[in-house]
Amino acid sequence: MFIINLLKLKAMGTNFTSSSLRALIATFIIAFFSLNLAGQTTHTVAVTDFAFTPSQLTIMAGDKVIWTNTGSMSHNVNGTKATFSSNPESFGNSVGLNWTYEFVFNTAGTYDYHCDPHSTGMKGKVIVNPKTTDPLKLTVNFTAMTPHIGQTLWLAVIDQATMMEIGRVKQMVTQTFPIEVPGIETGKSYWVDFFADHNKNGVYNAPPTDHAWRLPLDNVTGNSVIDFVHNTTFTNIDWKTKLTLRFTAMTPHVGQKLTLFVRDNMGMDMDNVVVPSVAGPNFDVLSWAIKPGMSYNLDFYADHNKNGVYNAPPADHAWRITLDNVKSDTIVSFVHNTNFTDIFLQTVAKNLAGKVDDIQLYPNPASNYIELKLPVNHEKVSSLKVYSIAGTLIHQKVFSGNAESLRYDLSKFKSGIYFMEINAGSKRDILKFMKQ
């Protein structure tokens, strides 16, 4: 934009010599790349009467620190090598009132500084970590694990803010061993959850059946190390079983949306994972909703016609994989094929006791309305309630009569999965439907 404006000025009659124009453009390019390639983070320190706040900072090489004197007294920042010989380089300003001073720390190391007039108590420190593009790594060093030698240990690293798992490792236990997990990020905090399969049944059981622990990893500043010595201070970490659906040869759907529904044997959605745009032919989709001993349908579809909603095949491409009797972490491989399944062909009601009825919702998925199809001799329906997939009551409707077909207005509903509760006499049925 700067160069374009220069050319506009030239066209308007502003005179530049060729050398001066080249100099201006060169200056701009240097400034532009200095600002955009540095990846610089700015940190602030308040300078008040007798204190630097915060008194210690941990930053990355290339970051900037700005000190601002807001107190009523004269202060300065003195981090010169003449005063602190171990500092990698000098920084600082003159004593005065109402000033702002900034410095970019380009060299890794530990920097001490103080205020000259108040040097006995007004001190600060800046720890500068090397800047690297390599992924940061957590290392957990296990010692004294004698009670679990020969058992399996599982470890997961979980982002405290999002509760999303960034990595997990399975390891055979010896007395002393390390586990490494890449992918931690600067400034983030994590839970490190792990358990030893003490009863050797292959799945997680709450302590003391299995031995489990949770350790914090707060405010990551670089590669991190946790030293763990076996103890009996257990924590029930509510370990999640991991499902990996491994896709290959998905070339026909690159750039399309892909949606996975993890459904239990009652047809209830346990998880709904959306890939907004398939990036390549081979990729993984993860879920932590499966549980040992349970069976599931893995229903998924690619939005082949790109209209943003589900349409029965072949308009969209949909598949179903049956997952029986989950044991533990499970990997399911899927190779693209044309053996499609309409994963929303029909919704059959199942009451809380699991009894199958002849109640149906049509159409499903639905757009503006959905109809409740009832058997002729079905009890009088007194009310309908609609819940979100999270279990929140969205809407309810009371009926004064009964018919073979009852229509429900969905025009104001957002797209998604819902559950409909049908109350008729002493019966209470739950049906699932999708609003497009």
Protein backbone atom coordinates (compact mmCIF):
# COMPACT_ATOMS: atom_id res chain seq x y z
CA MET A 1 0.00 0.00 0.00
CA PHE A 2 2.85 2.37 0.81
CA ILE A 3 4.42 1.75 -2.62
CA ILE A 4 1.06 2.21 -4.33
CA ASN A 5 0.63 5.58 -2.59
CA LEU A 6 4.11 6.65 -3.72
CA LEU A 7 3.20 5.82 -7.30
CA LYS A 8 -0.02 7.80 -6.94
CA LEU A 9 1.97 10.81 -5.73
CA LYS A 10 4.29 10.43 -8.69
CA ALA A 11 1.32 10.36 -11.04
CA MET A 12 -0.05 13.55 -9.40
CA GLY A 13 3.14 15.41 -10.20
CA THR A 14 5.12 14.96 -7.02
CA ASN A 15 8.76 14.90 -7.98
CA PHE A 16 11.05 12.13 -6.76
CA THR A 17 14.48 11.38 -8.07
CA SER A 18 15.01 7.74 -8.94
CA SER A 19 17.51 7.38 -6.12
CA SER A 20 15.23 8.97 -3.51
CA LEU A 21 12.29 6.81 -4.61
CA ARG A 22 14.42 3.68 -4.34
CA ALA A 23 15.57 4.74 -0.90
CA LEU A 24 12.00 5.30 0.31
CA ILE A 25 10.87 1.94 -1.02
CA ALA A 26 13.88 0.18 0.52
CA THR A 27 13.14 1.83 3.88
CA PHE A 28 9.55 0.66 3.69
CA ILE A 29 10.51 -2.92 2.82
CA ILE A 30 12.97 -3.12 5.71
CA ALA A 31 10.38 -1.73 8.12
CA PHE A 32 7.66 -4.03 6.79
CA PHE A 33 9.67 -7.21 7.17
CA SER A 34 11.01 -6.14 10.55
CA LEU A 35 7.44 -5.79 11.81
CA ASN A 36 5.91 -8.84 10.18
CA LEU A 37 8.59 -11.48 10.41
CA ALA A 38 9.72 -10.94 13.97
CA GLY A 39 6.68 -12.59 15.58
CA GLN A 40 7.28 -10.24 18.47
CA THR A 41 5.27 -10.20 21.71
CA THR A 42 5.14 -7.08 23.89
CA HIS A 43 5.24 -7.31 27.69
CA THR A 44 4.57 -4.44 30.09
CA VAL A 45 6.03 -3.60 33.50
CA ALA A 46 4.50 -0.93 35.76
CA VAL A 47 7.06 1.19 37.61
CA THR A 48 5.52 2.52 40.82
CA ASP A 49 6.94 3.78 44.08
CA PHE A 50 9.51 1.16 45.14
CA ALA A 51 8.29 -1.68 42.87
CA PHE A 52 8.49 -3.17 39.39
CA THR A 53 5.24 -5.04 38.63
CA PRO A 54 5.67 -7.82 37.68
CA SER A 55 9.12 -8.05 39.16
CA GLN A 56 9.95 -11.09 37.01
CA LEU A 57 9.09 -11.86 33.39
CA THR A 58 9.68 -14.95 31.28
CA ILE A 59 9.71 -14.14 27.56
CA MET A 60 10.98 -15.40 24.22
CA ALA A 61 13.99 -14.01 22.36
CA GLY A 62 12.81 -11.17 20.13
CA ASP A 63 10.09 -10.02 22.52
CA LYS A 64 9.79 -6.40 23.66
CA VAL A 65 9.41 -5.19 27.25
CA ILE A 66 7.96 -1.74 27.99
CA TRP A 67 8.44 -0.11 31.41
CA THR A 68 6.20 2.85 32.36
CA ASN A 69 6.89 5.03 35.41
CA THR A 70 3.48 5.90 36.86
CA GLY A 71 4.70 6.69 40.37
CA SER A 72 5.26 10.01 42.05
CA MET A 73 9.01 9.50 42.44
CA SER A 74 12.01 9.40 40.14
CA HIS A 75 13.09 5.92 39.03
CA ASN A 76 15.01 4.24 36.26
CA VAL A 77 15.80 0.81 34.80
CA ASN A 78 19.45 -0.19 35.10
CA GLY A 79 20.32 -3.53 33.54
CA THR A 80 23.78 -2.59 32.28
CA LYS A 81 26.61 -5.10 32.21
CA ALA A 82 28.63 -2.62 34.27
CA THR A 83 26.17 -3.22 37.11
CA PHE A 84 25.19 -6.82 36.36
CA SER A 85 28.15 -8.47 34.67
CA SER A 86 26.28 -11.75 33.99
CA ASN A 87 23.63 -10.04 31.85
CA PRO A 88 23.99 -11.13 28.20
CA GLU A 89 23.69 -7.48 27.10
CA SER A 90 23.06 -4.04 28.57
CA PHE A 91 19.78 -2.14 28.75
CA GLY A 92 18.39 0.74 30.80
CA ASN A 93 17.48 4.42 30.90
CA SER A 94 18.08 7.57 32.95
CA VAL A 95 16.51 8.48 36.29
CA GLY A 96 13.40 10.62 35.94
CA LEU A 97 9.62 11.09 36.29
CA ASN A 98 6.76 10.10 33.94
CA TRP A 99 8.79 8.12 31.43
CA THR A 100 8.32 5.09 29.20
CA TYR A 101 11.25 2.89 28.26
CA GLU A 102 11.28 -0.13 25.96
CA PHE A 103 13.86 -2.73 25.04
CA VAL A 104 13.85 -5.75 22.69
CA PHE A 105 15.64 -8.78 24.15
CA ASN A 106 17.25 -10.60 21.25
CA THR A 107 19.71 -12.72 23.23
CA ALA A 108 18.57 -15.61 25.40
CA GLY A 109 19.62 -15.61 29.04
CA THR A 110 18.77 -14.18 32.46
CA TYR A 111 18.80 -10.40 32.93
CA ASP A 112 18.85 -8.66 36.32
CA TYR A 113 18.09 -4.99 36.80
CA HIS A 114 17.26 -2.45 39.50
CA CYS A 115 16.33 1.17 40.08
CA ASP A 116 19.49 3.14 40.92
CA PRO A 117 17.94 5.42 43.59
CA HIS A 118 16.23 2.46 45.30
CA SER A 119 18.59 -0.40 44.44
CA THR A 120 18.30 -2.20 47.78
CA GLY A 121 14.66 -3.21 47.32
CA MET A 122 13.48 -2.20 43.83
CA LYS A 123 14.73 -5.07 41.66
CA GLY A 124 13.58 -6.97 38.61
CA LYS A 125 14.45 -9.93 36.42
CA VAL A 126 13.78 -10.91 32.80
CA ILE A 127 14.27 -14.54 31.74
CA VAL A 128 14.63 -14.81 27.96
CA ASN A 129 14.10 -18.27 26.45
CA PRO A 130 15.58 -19.11 23.06
CA LYS A 131 13.22 -18.67 20.15
CA THR A 132 12.61 -21.88 18.28
CA THR A 133 10.24 -23.17 15.66
CA ASP A 134 10.56 -26.73 16.94
CA PRO A 135 7.55 -28.12 18.86
CA LEU A 136 7.91 -27.89 22.62
CA LYS A 137 8.13 -31.15 24.49
CA LEU A 138 7.09 -32.39 27.93
CA THR A 139 9.22 -35.07 29.58
CA VAL A 140 7.87 -36.95 32.62
CA ASN A 141 10.55 -38.87 34.51
CA PHE A 142 9.10 -41.78 36.51
CA THR A 143 11.03 -43.29 39.43
CA ALA A 144 10.34 -45.86 42.18
CA MET A 145 7.58 -47.48 40.09
CA THR A 146 8.33 -50.92 41.58
CA PRO A 147 4.64 -51.69 42.48
CA HIS A 148 3.73 -51.49 38.79
CA ILE A 149 6.61 -53.24 37.03
CA GLY A 150 5.22 -55.19 34.08
CA GLN A 151 1.92 -53.30 34.11
CA THR A 152 0.70 -50.87 31.43
CA LEU A 153 0.79 -47.14 32.13
CA TRP A 154 -1.30 -44.67 30.14
CA LEU A 155 -0.53 -40.93 30.12
CA ALA A 156 -2.44 -38.03 28.55
CA VAL A 157 -1.67 -34.29 28.37
CA ILE A 158 -4.80 -32.13 28.47
CA ASP A 159 -5.15 -28.38 27.83
CA GLN A 160 -6.60 -26.89 31.05
CA ALA A 161 -8.46 -24.13 29.17
CA THR A 162 -10.18 -26.27 26.53
CA MET A 163 -9.91 -29.72 28.18
CA MET A 164 -8.76 -31.00 24.79
CA GLU A 165 -6.20 -33.77 24.82
CA ILE A 166 -3.03 -32.94 22.89
CA GLY A 167 -1.33 -36.31 23.20
CA ARG A 168 -1.37 -39.70 24.91
CA VAL A 169 1.21 -42.45 25.38
CA LYS A 170 1.03 -46.14 26.33
CA GLN A 171 4.11 -47.49 28.13
CA MET A 172 5.15 -50.74 29.80
CA VAL A 173 6.30 -49.92 33.34
CA THR A 174 9.83 -50.47 34.57
CA GLN A 175 11.26 -49.18 37.82
CA THR A 176 12.56 -45.98 36.21
CA PHE A 177 11.60 -44.62 32.78
CA PRO A 178 10.79 -41.38 30.92
CA ILE A 179 7.76 -40.50 28.76
CA GLU A 180 7.93 -37.70 26.20
CA VAL A 181 4.92 -35.87 24.73
CA PRO A 182 5.45 -33.21 22.04
CA GLY A 183 3.02 -30.40 21.28
CA ILE A 184 2.84 -28.26 24.43
CA GLU A 185 2.72 -24.50 23.74
CA THR A 186 4.22 -21.44 25.40
CA GLY A 187 1.87 -19.64 27.77
CA LYS A 188 -0.56 -22.54 28.10
CA SER A 189 -1.28 -24.74 31.12
CA TYR A 190 -1.97 -28.47 31.09
CA TRP A 191 -3.12 -31.39 33.20
CA VAL A 192 -0.88 -34.45 33.03
CA ASP A 193 -3.15 -37.45 33.74
CA PHE A 194 -1.82 -41.00 34.00
CA PHE A 195 -2.71 -44.37 35.49
CA ALA A 196 -1.16 -47.78 35.97
CA ASP A 197 -3.46 -50.68 35.05
CA HIS A 198 -2.98 -52.22 38.48
CA ASN A 199 -5.65 -54.93 38.11
CA LYS A 200 -4.42 -55.70 34.56
CA ASN A 201 -7.90 -55.78 32.99
CA GLY A 202 -6.93 -53.50 30.10
CA VAL A 203 -9.27 -50.62 31.00
CA TYR A 204 -9.29 -47.73 33.47
CA ASN A 205 -10.84 -48.29 36.89
CA ALA A 206 -11.04 -45.60 39.55
CA PRO A 207 -8.49 -45.80 42.38
CA PRO A 208 -7.58 -47.80 44.33
CA THR A 209 -8.42 -50.55 41.79
CA ASP A 210 -6.07 -48.82 39.38
CA HIS A 211 -3.53 -46.25 40.55
CA ALA A 212 -4.05 -42.85 38.94
CA TRP A 213 -2.58 -39.39 39.32
CA ARG A 214 -3.04 -35.85 37.96
CA LEU A 215 -0.16 -33.33 37.88
CA PRO A 216 -0.36 -29.66 36.82
CA LEU A 217 1.91 -28.10 34.20
CA ASP A 218 1.30 -24.36 34.49
CA ASN A 219 2.32 -21.49 32.20
CA VAL A 220 4.66 -23.30 29.84
CA THR A 221 7.76 -21.28 28.92
CA GLY A 222 9.70 -23.90 26.95
CA ASN A 223 10.56 -27.59 26.96
CA SER A 224 9.30 -28.85 30.32
CA VAL A 225 10.28 -31.63 32.72
CA ILE A 226 8.21 -33.20 35.51
CA ASP A 227 9.84 -35.60 37.96
CA PHE A 228 7.38 -38.12 39.45
CA VAL A 229 8.15 -40.45 42.32
CA HIS A 230 5.59 -43.20 42.98
CA ASN A 231 3.16 -42.38 45.79
CA THR A 232 -0.33 -43.35 46.95
CA THR A 233 -1.93 -39.92 46.63
CA PHE A 234 -4.32 -41.05 43.92
CA THR A 235 -6.79 -39.00 41.86
CA ASN A 236 -9.81 -40.29 39.93
CA ILE A 237 -8.91 -38.82 36.54
CA ASP A 238 -12.05 -40.11 34.74
CA TRP A 239 -9.89 -41.48 31.94
CA LYS A 240 -11.45 -41.20 28.46
CA THR A 241 -11.26 -44.03 25.93
CA LYS A 242 -10.03 -42.73 22.58
CA LEU A 243 -11.55 -43.52 19.20
CA THR A 244 -9.50 -42.82 16.07
CA LEU A 245 -11.35 -43.06 12.75
CA ARG A 246 -8.55 -43.22 10.19
CA PHE A 247 -9.61 -42.08 6.71
CA THR A 248 -7.68 -42.90 3.53
CA ALA A 249 -8.27 -42.27 -0.20
CA MET A 250 -10.82 -39.50 0.53
CA THR A 251 -9.74 -37.57 -2.58
CA PRO A 252 -13.35 -37.13 -3.88
CA HIS A 253 -14.20 -35.12 -0.76
CA VAL A 254 -11.22 -32.79 -0.37
CA GLY A 255 -12.58 -29.32 0.43
CA GLN A 256 -15.95 -30.69 1.59
CA LYS A 257 -17.40 -30.81 5.11
CA LEU A 258 -17.33 -34.18 6.87
CA THR A 259 -19.45 -35.00 9.93
CA LEU A 260 -19.12 -37.98 12.27
CA PHE A 261 -21.88 -39.15 14.65
CA VAL A 262 -20.92 -41.62 17.38
CA ARG A 263 -24.18 -43.37 18.31
CA ASP A 264 -24.83 -45.91 21.03
CA ASN A 265 -26.98 -49.03 20.52
CA MET A 266 -30.09 -47.01 21.47
CA GLY A 267 -29.42 -44.63 18.61
CA MET A 268 -28.47 -41.75 20.91
CA ASP A 269 -25.71 -39.42 19.73
CA MET A 270 -22.76 -39.63 22.13
CA ASP A 271 -20.56 -37.34 20.06
CA ASN A 272 -20.74 -35.19 16.94
CA VAL A 273 -17.42 -34.26 15.29
CA VAL A 274 -17.28 -31.88 12.31
CA VAL A 275 -14.34 -31.44 9.93
CA PRO A 276 -15.19 -28.07 8.30
CA SER A 277 -13.11 -28.78 5.19
CA VAL A 278 -11.28 -32.01 4.38
CA ALA A 279 -7.67 -30.96 3.78
CA GLY A 280 -6.32 -34.07 2.07
CA PRO A 281 -7.06 -37.69 1.18
CA ASN A 282 -5.67 -39.14 4.43
CA PHE A 283 -6.59 -37.85 7.91
CA ASP A 284 -7.83 -38.88 11.37
CA VAL A 285 -11.01 -37.90 13.21
CA LEU A 286 -10.91 -38.33 17.00
CA SER A 287 -13.56 -38.86 19.66
CA TRP A 288 -13.39 -39.57 23.38
CA ALA A 289 -17.06 -40.59 23.77
CA ILE A 290 -16.75 -44.39 23.58
CA LYS A 291 -16.66 -46.58 26.69
CA PRO A 292 -15.34 -50.12 27.29
CA GLY A 293 -17.98 -52.83 27.06
CA MET A 294 -20.28 -50.72 24.86
CA SER A 295 -21.13 -51.00 21.13
CA TYR A 296 -21.62 -48.13 18.69
CA ASN A 297 -22.52 -47.12 15.18
CA LEU A 298 -20.05 -44.75 13.58
CA ASP A 299 -22.22 -42.77 11.15
CA PHE A 300 -20.51 -40.20 8.95
CA TYR A 301 -21.10 -38.32 5.74
CA ALA A 302 -19.33 -35.97 3.36
CA ASP A 303 -21.35 -32.95 2.17
CA HIS A 304 -20.78 -33.92 -1.47
CA ASN A 305 -23.25 -31.41 -2.95
CA LYS A 306 -21.89 -28.66 -0.65
CA ASN A 307 -25.30 -27.33 0.39
CA GLY A 308 -24.39 -27.34 4.09
CA VAL A 309 -26.95 -29.97 5.19
CA TYR A 310 -27.35 -33.74 5.03
CA ASN A 311 -28.97 -35.29 1.97
CA ALA A 312 -29.46 -39.01 1.47
CA PRO A 313 -26.93 -40.72 -0.84
CA PRO A 314 -25.91 -40.34 -3.57
CA ALA A 315 -26.45 -36.55 -3.20
CA ASP A 316 -24.19 -36.77 -0.15
CA HIS A 317 -21.91 -39.72 0.56
CA ALA A 318 -22.69 -41.45 3.86
CA TRP A 319 -21.45 -44.59 5.59
CA ARG A 320 -21.99 -46.64 8.74
CA ILE A 321 -19.38 -48.71 10.57
CA THR A 322 -20.41 -50.97 13.46
CA LEU A 323 -18.10 -50.96 16.47
CA ASP A 324 -18.88 -53.89 18.78
CA ASN A 325 -17.85 -54.37 22.41
CA VAL A 326 -15.19 -51.70 22.84
CA LYS A 327 -12.15 -52.97 24.75
CA SER A 328 -9.96 -49.88 25.11
CA ASP A 329 -8.50 -47.23 22.81
CA THR A 330 -9.70 -48.15 19.33
CA ILE A 331 -8.48 -47.38 15.81
CA VAL A 332 -10.95 -47.92 12.96
CA SER A 333 -9.64 -47.72 9.40
CA PHE A 334 -11.88 -46.55 6.56
CA VAL A 335 -10.99 -46.55 2.86
CA HIS A 336 -13.26 -44.48 0.60
CA ASN A 337 -15.85 -46.56 -1.23
CA THR A 338 -19.30 -46.21 -2.79
CA ASN A 339 -21.15 -48.60 -0.46
CA PHE A 340 -23.30 -45.80 0.93
CA THR A 341 -25.81 -45.96 3.80
CA ASP A 342 -28.61 -43.49 4.52
CA ILE A 343 -27.66 -42.77 8.12
CA PHE A 344 -30.92 -40.85 8.75
CA LEU A 345 -33.27 -43.26 6.98
CA GLN A 346 -35.74 -43.58 9.85
CA THR A 347 -36.02 -42.69 13.51
CA VAL A 348 -37.79 -45.26 15.65
CA ALA A 349 -38.94 -44.31 19.14
CA LYS A 350 -37.54 -46.14 22.13
CA ASN A 351 -38.92 -45.45 25.59
CA LEU A 352 -36.77 -45.32 28.66
CA ALA A 353 -37.13 -49.08 29.16
CA GLY A 354 -35.88 -49.72 25.64
CA LYS A 355 -39.22 -50.93 24.20
CA VAL A 356 -39.52 -50.36 20.44
CA ASP A 357 -42.73 -48.64 19.33
CA ASP A 358 -44.10 -47.78 15.90
CA ILE A 359 -43.82 -44.02 16.40
CA GLN A 360 -41.91 -42.28 13.60
CA LEU A 361 -40.73 -38.76 12.77
CA TYR A 362 -40.98 -37.69 9.16
CA PRO A 363 -39.16 -36.19 7.32
CA ASN A 364 -35.91 -36.72 9.14
CA PRO A 365 -33.71 -34.74 8.65
CA ALA A 366 -36.32 -31.98 8.55
CA SER A 367 -36.27 -28.36 7.44
CA ASN A 368 -39.34 -26.27 8.36
CA TYR A 369 -41.54 -28.88 10.03
CA ILE A 370 -41.58 -32.45 11.22
CA GLU A 371 -44.54 -34.81 11.56
CA LEU A 372 -45.15 -37.31 14.32
CA LYS A 373 -46.56 -40.51 12.86
CA LEU A 374 -48.62 -42.49 15.39
CA PRO A 375 -50.31 -45.92 15.26
CA VAL A 376 -54.11 -45.68 14.99
CA ASN A 377 -54.69 -47.07 18.47
CA HIS A 378 -51.93 -45.08 20.17
CA GLU A 379 -52.80 -43.33 23.42
CA LYS A 380 -53.71 -39.65 23.32
CA VAL A 381 -50.60 -37.44 23.10
CA SER A 382 -50.75 -34.78 25.78
CA SER A 383 -47.50 -32.91 25.16
CA LEU A 384 -44.24 -32.79 23.25
CA LYS A 385 -40.94 -31.47 24.56
CA VAL A 386 -37.85 -30.76 22.47
CA TYR A 387 -34.36 -30.90 23.98
CA SER A 388 -30.97 -29.91 22.59
CA ILE A 389 -28.27 -32.55 22.19
CA ALA A 390 -26.86 -31.26 25.51
CA GLY A 391 -30.18 -31.99 27.29
CA THR A 392 -31.47 -28.40 27.54
CA LEU A 393 -35.26 -27.95 27.16
CA ILE A 394 -35.77 -25.85 24.00
CA HIS A 395 -39.53 -25.84 23.50
CA GLN A 396 -42.71 -27.65 24.49
CA LYS A 397 -46.21 -27.96 23.10
CA VAL A 398 -49.50 -29.16 24.64
CA PHE A 399 -52.11 -30.97 22.49
CA SER A 400 -55.87 -31.09 23.09
CA GLY A 401 -56.58 -33.88 20.58
CA ASN A 402 -55.03 -36.88 18.88
CA ALA A 403 -54.47 -37.75 15.21
CA GLU A 404 -52.40 -40.08 13.10
CA SER A 405 -50.18 -37.19 12.08
CA LEU A 406 -49.06 -34.31 14.29
CA ARG A 407 -47.02 -31.51 12.75
CA TYR A 408 -44.36 -29.61 14.71
CA ASP A 409 -42.97 -26.26 13.52
CA LEU A 410 -39.14 -26.20 13.31
CA SER A 411 -38.71 -22.99 11.31
CA LYS A 412 -37.11 -21.10 14.20
CA PHE A 413 -34.78 -23.94 15.24
CA LYS A 414 -31.08 -23.80 14.46
CA SER A 415 -29.51 -26.64 12.48
CA GLY A 416 -28.44 -29.54 14.65
CA ILE A 417 -29.46 -32.70 16.48
CA TYR A 418 -32.48 -32.65 18.86
CA PHE A 419 -34.48 -35.07 21.00
CA MET A 420 -38.27 -35.08 21.15
CA GLU A 421 -40.08 -36.34 24.26
CA ILE A 422 -43.62 -37.61 23.57
CA ASN A 423 -45.92 -37.88 26.57
CA ALA A 424 -49.07 -39.98 26.07
CA GLY A 425 -50.89 -41.22 29.16
CA SER A 426 -48.39 -43.18 31.21
CA LYS A 427 -45.99 -43.57 28.29
CA ARG A 428 -42.95 -41.43 27.70
CA ASP A 429 -40.96 -41.94 24.48
CA ILE A 430 -37.77 -40.25 23.25
CA LEU A 431 -37.06 -39.74 19.55
CA LYS A 432 -34.11 -38.16 17.83
CA PHE A 433 -34.25 -35.89 14.80
CA MET A 434 -32.01 -33.60 12.79
CA LYS A 435 -32.92 -30.02 11.82
CA GLN A 436 -31.22 -28.93 8.58
